[in-house]
PDB file of N, CA and C in Angstrom:
ATOM      1  N   MET A   1      17.716  32.210 -40.611  1.00  0.00           N
ATOM      2  CA  MET A   1      17.817  31.124 -39.658  1.00  0.00           C
ATOM      3  C   MET A   1      19.127  30.283 -39.834  1.00  0.00           C
ATOM      4  N   ALA A   2      19.809  29.922 -38.800  1.00  0.00           N
ATOM      5  CA  ALA A   2      21.035  29.318 -38.879  1.00  0.00           C
ATOM      6  C   ALA A   2      20.990  27.835 -39.334  1.00  0.00           C
ATOM      7  N   LEU A   3      21.808  27.289 -40.088  1.00  0.00           N
ATOM      8  CA  LEU A   3      21.731  25.913 -40.651  1.00  0.00           C
ATOM      9  C   LEU A   3      23.087  25.297 -40.166  1.00  0.00           C
ATOM     10  N   PRO A   4      23.073  24.003 -39.896  1.00  0.00           N
ATOM     11  CA  PRO A   4      24.351  23.228 -39.617  1.00  0.00           C
ATOM     12  C   PRO A   4      25.217  23.083 -40.790  1.00  0.00           C
ATOM     13  N   LYS A   5      26.474  23.317 -40.725  1.00  0.00           N
ATOM     14  CA  LYS A   5      27.351  23.086 -41.921  1.00  0.00           C
ATOM     15  C   LYS A   5      27.481  21.546 -42.161  1.00  0.00           C
ATOM     16  N   LYS A   6      27.515  20.790 -41.174  1.00  0.00           N
ATOM     17  CA  LYS A   6      27.665  19.279 -41.549  1.00  0.00           C
ATOM     18  C   LYS A   6      26.631  18.459 -40.808  1.00  0.00           C
ATOM     19  N   LYS A   7      26.352  17.343 -41.287  1.00  0.00           N
ATOM     20  CA  LYS A   7      25.323  16.440 -40.675  1.00  0.00           C
ATOM     21  C   LYS A   7      25.756  15.910 -39.480  1.00  0.00           C
ATOM     22  N   HIS A   8      24.785  15.865 -38.391  1.00  0.00           N
ATOM     23  CA  HIS A   8      25.222  15.284 -37.133  1.00  0.00           C
ATOM     24  C   HIS A   8      25.128  13.626 -37.422  1.00  0.00           C
ATOM     25  N   SER A   9      26.035  12.922 -36.683  1.00  0.00           N
ATOM     26  CA  SER A   9      26.073  11.549 -36.819  1.00  0.00           C
ATOM     27  C   SER A   9      25.095  10.925 -36.062  1.00  0.00           C
ATOM     28  N   LYS A  10      24.591   9.785 -36.388  1.00  0.00           N
ATOM     29  CA  LYS A  10      23.382   9.020 -35.530  1.00  0.00           C
ATOM     30  C   LYS A  10      23.814   8.968 -34.046  1.00  0.00           C
ATOM     31  N   SER A  11      25.102   8.617 -33.816  1.00  0.00           N
ATOM     32  CA  SER A  11      25.420   8.367 -32.361  1.00  0.00           C
ATOM     33  C   SER A  11      25.443   9.786 -31.723  1.00  0.00           C
ATOM     34  N   ARG A  12      25.765  10.781 -32.305  1.00  0.00           N
ATOM     35  CA  ARG A  12      25.859  12.093 -31.622  1.00  0.00           C
ATOM     36  C   ARG A  12      24.353  12.488 -31.332  1.00  0.00           C
ATOM     37  N   THR A  13      23.463  12.279 -32.270  1.00  0.00           N
ATOM     38  CA  THR A  13      22.041  12.637 -32.053  1.00  0.00           C
ATOM     39  C   THR A  13      21.474  11.756 -30.965  1.00  0.00           C
ATOM     40  N   ARG A  14      21.849  10.438 -30.865  1.00  0.00           N
ATOM     41  CA  ARG A  14      21.249   9.500 -29.887  1.00  0.00           C
ATOM     42  C   ARG A  14      21.772   9.808 -28.584  1.00  0.00           C
ATOM     43  N   LYS A  15      23.046  10.336 -28.460  1.00  0.00           N
ATOM     44  CA  LYS A  15      23.683  10.510 -27.134  1.00  0.00           C
ATOM     45  C   LYS A  15      22.857  11.846 -26.546  1.00  0.00           C
ATOM     46  N   ARG A  16      22.477  12.732 -27.449  1.00  0.00           N
ATOM     47  CA  ARG A  16      21.852  13.899 -26.942  1.00  0.00           C
ATOM     48  C   ARG A  16      20.357  13.548 -26.435  1.00  0.00           C
ATOM     49  N   ARG A  17      19.812  12.716 -27.185  1.00  0.00           N
ATOM     50  CA  ARG A  17      18.343  12.257 -26.900  1.00  0.00           C
ATOM     51  C   ARG A  17      18.418  11.233 -25.709  1.00  0.00           C
ATOM     52  N   SER A  18      19.455  10.596 -25.323  1.00  0.00           N
ATOM     53  CA  SER A  18      19.435   9.501 -24.312  1.00  0.00           C
ATOM     54  C   SER A  18      19.009  10.060 -22.834  1.00  0.00           C
ATOM     55  N   SER A  19      19.115  11.362 -22.785  1.00  0.00           N
ATOM     56  CA  SER A  19      18.757  11.965 -21.367  1.00  0.00           C
ATOM     57  C   SER A  19      17.349  12.390 -21.291  1.00  0.00           C
ATOM     58  N   LYS A  20      16.593  12.301 -22.354  1.00  0.00           N
ATOM     59  CA  LYS A  20      15.127  12.756 -22.289  1.00  0.00           C
ATOM     60  C   LYS A  20      14.135  11.538 -22.023  1.00  0.00           C
ATOM     61  N   LYS A  21      14.868  10.548 -21.568  1.00  0.00           N
ATOM     62  CA  LYS A  21      13.862   9.338 -21.287  1.00  0.00           C
ATOM     63  C   LYS A  21      13.083   9.630 -19.949  1.00  0.00           C
ATOM     64  N   LEU A  22      11.920   8.878 -19.752  1.00  0.00           N
ATOM     65  CA  LEU A  22      11.109   8.989 -18.643  1.00  0.00           C
ATOM     66  C   LEU A  22      11.759   8.376 -17.549  1.00  0.00           C
ATOM     67  N   GLY A  23      11.480   9.033 -16.280  1.00  0.00           N
ATOM     68  CA  GLY A  23      12.080   8.498 -15.110  1.00  0.00           C
ATOM     69  C   GLY A  23      10.922   7.518 -14.398  1.00  0.00           C
ATOM     70  N   TYR A  24      11.379   6.931 -13.225  1.00  0.00           N
ATOM     71  CA  TYR A  24      10.344   6.245 -12.350  1.00  0.00           C
ATOM     72  C   TYR A  24       9.618   7.189 -11.547  1.00  0.00           C
ATOM     73  N   SER A  25       8.396   6.706 -11.444  1.00  0.00           N
ATOM     74  CA  SER A  25       7.608   7.594 -10.669  1.00  0.00           C
ATOM     75  C   SER A  25       7.805   7.223  -9.163  1.00  0.00           C
ATOM     76  N   THR A  26       7.623   7.958  -8.164  1.00  0.00           N
ATOM     77  CA  THR A  26       7.746   7.710  -6.928  1.00  0.00           C
ATOM     78  C   THR A  26       6.375   7.077  -6.375  1.00  0.00           C
ATOM     79  N   VAL A  27       6.574   6.191  -5.481  1.00  0.00           N
ATOM     80  CA  VAL A  27       5.308   5.539  -4.857  1.00  0.00           C
ATOM     81  C   VAL A  27       5.454   5.710  -3.323  1.00  0.00           C
ATOM     82  N   SER A  28       4.396   6.079  -2.735  1.00  0.00           N
ATOM     83  CA  SER A  28       4.277   6.187  -1.201  1.00  0.00           C
ATOM     84  C   SER A  28       3.351   5.276  -0.726  1.00  0.00           C
ATOM     85  N   ARG A  29       3.276   5.198   0.574  1.00  0.00           N
ATOM     86  CA  ARG A  29       2.270   4.146   1.352  1.00  0.00           C
ATOM     87  C   ARG A  29       1.106   4.938   1.718  1.00  0.00           C
ATOM     88  N   CYS A  30      -0.064   4.541   1.729  1.00  0.00           N
ATOM     89  CA  CYS A  30      -1.230   5.102   2.222  1.00  0.00           C
ATOM     90  C   CYS A  30      -1.158   4.846   3.830  1.00  0.00           C
ATOM     91  N   PRO A  31      -1.477   5.930   4.577  1.00  0.00           N
ATOM     92  CA  PRO A  31      -1.399   5.948   5.919  1.00  0.00           C
ATOM     93  C   PRO A  31      -2.526   5.093   6.530  1.00  0.00           C
ATOM     94  N   GLN A  32      -3.468   4.825   5.857  1.00  0.00           N
ATOM     95  CA  GLN A  32      -4.708   4.060   6.408  1.00  0.00           C
ATOM     96  C   GLN A  32      -4.522   2.605   6.196  1.00  0.00           C
ATOM     97  N   CYS A  33      -4.316   2.164   4.823  1.00  0.00           N
ATOM     98  CA  CYS A  33      -4.375   0.876   4.440  1.00  0.00           C
ATOM     99  C   CYS A  33      -2.968   0.263   4.230  1.00  0.00           C
ATOM    100  N   ARG A  34      -1.976   1.116   4.156  1.00  0.00           N
ATOM    101  CA  ARG A  34      -0.541   0.738   3.685  1.00  0.00           C
ATOM    102  C   ARG A  34      -0.325   0.197   2.360  1.00  0.00           C
ATOM    103  N   SER A  35      -1.291   0.359   1.485  1.00  0.00           N
ATOM    104  CA  SER A  35      -1.110  -0.046   0.097  1.00  0.00           C
ATOM    105  C   SER A  35      -0.361   1.069  -0.791  1.00  0.00           C
ATOM    106  N   PRO A  36       0.409   0.693  -1.689  1.00  0.00           N
ATOM    107  CA  PRO A  36       1.158   1.608  -2.428  1.00  0.00           C
ATOM    108  C   PRO A  36       0.325   2.570  -3.233  1.00  0.00           C
ATOM    109  N   LYS A  37       0.520   3.913  -3.311  1.00  0.00           N
ATOM    110  CA  LYS A  37      -0.141   4.890  -4.004  1.00  0.00           C
ATOM    111  C   LYS A  37       0.681   5.937  -4.432  1.00  0.00           C
ATOM    112  N   LEU A  38       0.290   6.650  -5.428  1.00  0.00           N
ATOM    113  CA  LEU A  38       1.147   7.871  -6.043  1.00  0.00           C
ATOM    114  C   LEU A  38       0.930   9.083  -4.913  1.00  0.00           C
ATOM    115  N   PRO A  39       2.056   9.771  -4.625  1.00  0.00           N
ATOM    116  CA  PRO A  39       1.949  10.940  -3.604  1.00  0.00           C
ATOM    117  C   PRO A  39       0.982  11.923  -4.042  1.00  0.00           C
ATOM    118  N   HIS A  40       0.289  12.556  -3.123  1.00  0.00           N
ATOM    119  CA  HIS A  40      -0.643  13.739  -3.324  1.00  0.00           C
ATOM    120  C   HIS A  40      -1.832  13.112  -4.115  1.00  0.00           C
ATOM    121  N   ARG A  41      -2.316  11.997  -4.077  1.00  0.00           N
ATOM    122  CA  ARG A  41      -3.353  11.487  -4.668  1.00  0.00           C
ATOM    123  C   ARG A  41      -4.277  10.674  -3.726  1.00  0.00           C
ATOM    124  N   VAL A  42      -5.512  10.422  -4.036  1.00  0.00           N
ATOM    125  CA  VAL A  42      -6.410   9.657  -3.202  1.00  0.00           C
ATOM    126  C   VAL A  42      -6.117   8.287  -3.318  1.00  0.00           C
ATOM    127  N   CYS A  43      -6.125   7.541  -2.189  1.00  0.00           N
ATOM    128  CA  CYS A  43      -5.787   6.049  -2.392  1.00  0.00           C
ATOM    129  C   CYS A  43      -6.928   5.536  -2.919  1.00  0.00           C
ATOM    130  N   MET A  44      -6.799   4.756  -3.941  1.00  0.00           N
ATOM    131  CA  MET A  44      -7.806   4.001  -4.814  1.00  0.00           C
ATOM    132  C   MET A  44      -8.333   2.805  -4.045  1.00  0.00           C
ATOM    133  N   THR A  45      -7.645   2.239  -3.045  1.00  0.00           N
ATOM    134  CA  THR A  45      -7.958   1.095  -2.211  1.00  0.00           C
ATOM    135  C   THR A  45      -9.094   1.474  -1.151  1.00  0.00           C
ATOM    136  N   CYS A  46      -8.622   2.436  -0.367  1.00  0.00           N
ATOM    137  CA  CYS A  46      -9.516   2.748   0.714  1.00  0.00           C
ATOM    138  C   CYS A  46     -10.269   4.149   0.589  1.00  0.00           C
ATOM    139  N   GLY A  47      -9.871   5.019  -0.327  1.00  0.00           N
ATOM    140  CA  GLY A  47     -10.557   6.159  -0.538  1.00  0.00           C
ATOM    141  C   GLY A  47     -10.099   7.303   0.334  1.00  0.00           C
ATOM    142  N   TYR A  48      -9.040   7.195   1.049  1.00  0.00           N
ATOM    143  CA  TYR A  48      -8.458   8.272   2.001  1.00  0.00           C
ATOM    144  C   TYR A  48      -7.347   9.010   1.339  1.00  0.00           C
ATOM    145  N   TYR A  49      -7.514  10.411   1.782  1.00  0.00           N
ATOM    146  CA  TYR A  49      -6.376  11.290   1.398  1.00  0.00           C
ATOM    147  C   TYR A  49      -5.823  11.875   2.577  1.00  0.00           C
ATOM    148  N   GLY A  50      -4.666  11.502   3.151  1.00  0.00           N
ATOM    149  CA  GLY A  50      -4.299  11.838   4.428  1.00  0.00           C
ATOM    150  C   GLY A  50      -5.039  11.102   5.562  1.00  0.00           C
ATOM    151  N   GLU A  51      -5.794  11.907   6.327  1.00  0.00           N
ATOM    152  CA  GLU A  51      -6.503  11.334   7.398  1.00  0.00           C
ATOM    153  C   GLU A  51      -8.109  11.445   7.072  1.00  0.00           C
ATOM    154  N   LYS A  52      -8.397  12.175   5.910  1.00  0.00           N
ATOM    155  CA  LYS A  52      -9.884  12.286   5.529  1.00  0.00           C
ATOM    156  C   LYS A  52     -10.305  11.238   4.495  1.00  0.00           C
ATOM    157  N   GLN A  53     -11.438  10.830   4.619  1.00  0.00           N
ATOM    158  CA  GLN A  53     -12.124   9.903   3.521  1.00  0.00           C
ATOM    159  C   GLN A  53     -12.797  10.864   2.633  1.00  0.00           C
ATOM    160  N   ILE A  54     -12.174  10.625   1.396  1.00  0.00           N
ATOM    161  CA  ILE A  54     -12.639  11.502   0.245  1.00  0.00           C
ATOM    162  C   ILE A  54     -13.667  10.754  -0.685  1.00  0.00           C
ATOM    163  N   ILE A  55     -13.379   9.486  -0.992  1.00  0.00           N
ATOM    164  CA  ILE A  55     -14.258   8.745  -1.755  1.00  0.00           C
ATOM    165  C   ILE A  55     -14.902   7.620  -0.927  1.00  0.00           C
ATOM    166  N   LYS A  56     -16.223   7.506  -0.990  1.00  0.00           N
ATOM    167  CA  LYS A  56     -16.728   6.412  -0.244  1.00  0.00           C
ATOM    168  C   LYS A  56     -16.698   5.196  -1.157  1.00  0.00           C
ATOM    169  N   MET A  57     -16.077   4.071  -0.542  1.00  0.00           N
ATOM    170  CA  MET A  57     -15.845   2.902  -1.191  1.00  0.00           C
ATOM    171  C   MET A  57     -16.912   1.893  -1.219  1.00  0.00           C
ATOM    172  N   GLU A  58     -17.068   0.883  -1.931  1.00  0.00           N
ATOM    173  CA  GLU A  58     -18.208   0.054  -1.900  1.00  0.00           C
ATOM    174  C   GLU A  58     -18.429  -0.837  -0.688  1.00  0.00           C
ATOM    175  N   GLY A  59     -17.288  -1.246  -0.108  1.00  0.00           N
ATOM    176  CA  GLY A  59     -17.102  -2.068   1.041  1.00  0.00           C
ATOM    177  C   GLY A  59     -17.476  -1.212   2.385  1.00  0.00           C
ATOM    178  N   ASP A  60     -17.402   0.067   2.280  1.00  0.00           N
ATOM    179  CA  ASP A  60     -17.651   0.829   3.531  1.00  0.00           C
ATOM    180  C   ASP A  60     -19.144   0.879   3.937  1.00  0.00           C
ATOM    181  N   LYS A  61     -19.477   0.859   5.165  1.00  0.00           N
ATOM    182  CA  LYS A  61     -20.977   0.953   5.504  1.00  0.00           C
ATOM    183  C   LYS A  61     -21.241   2.223   6.138  1.00  0.00           C
TER     184      LYS A  61
END
């Protein structure tokens, strides 16, 4: 197994690791109640996914 001949400096190591940070998650709007939600997920406010109600919420009759 190959080994490095010289030690990498802290700044060189940190420069390489700086691009591995987490990005922002995208947020879309629910077509039914217009509340923010994650894309391709059921809306936790109204229980709809697209045009279908998947989860029956407590306020629904």
